[in-house]
Amino acid sequence: MISIRKMESSEVNRLSEIDRTEDILQDYQLIHGTLEAMDVNWHIAPWDIEEKIKEWIPIAEGYRNMWGAFDEEKRVGFAVFNWNRTIST
């Protein structure tokens, strides 16, 4: 069961728990007001976790409103909320 809780900016290093790899076989595009499926063959590689953590530390510290999604204790998603915009993954 997935649970969601507020996280401290010091926990941003837990990004390493998220497997970001993905194979995408269809993309949907809005064409003349109609949503159409397009066949694609995209592979999303794993994050360079050290670079991703460096990128997210100032974001997490700046907004101080970070939420994590957990499957038991494993982090499976997160979002950083700002009143003006939301950054998530």
Protein backbone atom coordinates (compact mmCIF):
# COMPACT_ATOMS: atom_id res chain seq x y z
CA MET A 1 0.00 0.00 0.00
CA ILE A 2 1.35 3.44 -0.95
CA SER A 3 1.56 6.03 1.80
CA ILE A 4 2.39 9.72 1.46
CA ARG A 5 4.19 11.83 4.03
CA LYS A 6 5.95 15.15 4.28
CA MET A 7 9.72 14.87 4.01
CA GLU A 8 12.63 16.95 5.20
CA SER A 9 14.97 18.48 2.61
CA SER A 10 17.74 16.35 4.15
CA GLU A 11 15.98 13.27 2.73
CA VAL A 12 16.48 14.33 -0.91
CA ASN A 13 19.26 11.72 -1.14
CA ARG A 14 16.50 9.10 -1.12
CA LEU A 15 16.02 9.83 -4.84
CA SER A 16 18.36 6.89 -5.34
CA GLU A 17 15.49 4.58 -4.30
CA ILE A 18 13.42 5.50 -7.37
CA ASP A 19 13.91 3.44 -10.54
CA ARG A 20 13.34 5.99 -13.30
CA THR A 21 13.96 3.61 -16.23
CA GLU A 22 11.09 3.32 -18.64
CA ASP A 23 10.29 1.90 -22.09
CA ILE A 24 7.60 3.84 -23.95
CA LEU A 25 5.85 2.28 -26.93
CA GLN A 26 3.03 4.81 -27.48
CA ASP A 27 2.80 8.57 -27.19
CA TYR A 28 -0.45 10.49 -27.31
CA GLN A 29 -0.74 13.78 -29.15
CA LEU A 30 -3.62 16.20 -29.52
CA ILE A 31 -4.10 16.71 -33.27
CA HIS A 32 -6.89 19.04 -34.43
CA GLY A 33 -8.78 18.49 -31.19
CA THR A 34 -8.46 14.68 -31.25
CA LEU A 35 -6.17 12.62 -29.02
CA GLU A 36 -4.25 10.23 -31.25
CA ALA A 37 -1.85 7.38 -30.33
CA MET A 38 1.50 7.36 -32.08
CA ASP A 39 3.82 4.33 -32.07
CA VAL A 40 7.22 5.22 -30.61
CA ASN A 41 10.19 3.32 -29.27
CA TRP A 42 11.69 5.43 -26.48
CA HIS A 43 13.90 4.19 -23.66
CA ILE A 44 14.32 6.41 -20.61
CA ALA A 45 17.71 5.71 -19.05
CA PRO A 46 18.36 5.70 -15.30
CA TRP A 47 19.15 9.00 -13.65
CA ASP A 48 22.71 10.05 -12.95
CA ILE A 49 21.76 9.97 -9.28
CA GLU A 50 24.62 12.16 -8.03
CA GLU A 51 23.72 14.89 -10.52
CA LYS A 52 19.99 14.55 -9.76
CA ILE A 53 20.58 14.91 -6.01
CA LYS A 54 22.75 18.02 -6.59
CA GLU A 55 19.94 19.45 -8.75
CA TRP A 56 17.18 18.74 -6.20
CA ILE A 57 18.92 19.81 -2.95
CA PRO A 58 18.46 23.57 -3.56
CA ILE A 59 14.91 22.99 -4.79
CA ALA A 60 13.97 21.00 -1.68
CA GLU A 61 15.67 23.50 0.63
CA GLY A 62 14.13 26.47 -1.15
CA TYR A 63 10.52 25.27 -1.07
CA ARG A 64 10.63 23.31 2.22
CA ASN A 65 7.47 21.48 1.25
CA MET A 66 8.56 18.10 -0.08
CA TRP A 67 6.30 15.06 -0.07
CA GLY A 68 7.27 11.44 -0.65
CA ALA A 69 5.26 8.42 -1.75
CA PHE A 70 6.35 5.17 -0.11
CA ASP A 71 5.66 1.50 -0.69
CA GLU A 72 6.30 0.36 2.87
CA GLU A 73 9.67 2.10 3.47
CA LYS A 74 10.85 2.31 -0.16
CA ARG A 75 10.43 5.73 -1.75
CA VAL A 76 8.59 5.38 -5.06
CA GLY A 77 7.77 9.00 -5.88
CA PHE A 78 8.06 12.57 -4.66
CA ALA A 79 6.84 16.08 -5.28
CA VAL A 80 8.03 19.50 -4.20
CA PHE A 81 5.23 22.02 -3.83
CA ASN A 82 5.42 25.78 -4.17
CA TRP A 83 2.30 27.98 -4.09
CA ASN A 84 3.24 29.30 -7.54
CA ARG A 85 4.10 26.00 -9.23
CA THR A 86 4.58 22.29 -8.63
CA ILE A 87 7.66 20.30 -9.63
CA SER A 88 7.24 16.51 -9.48
CA THR A 89 8.49 13.22 -10.74
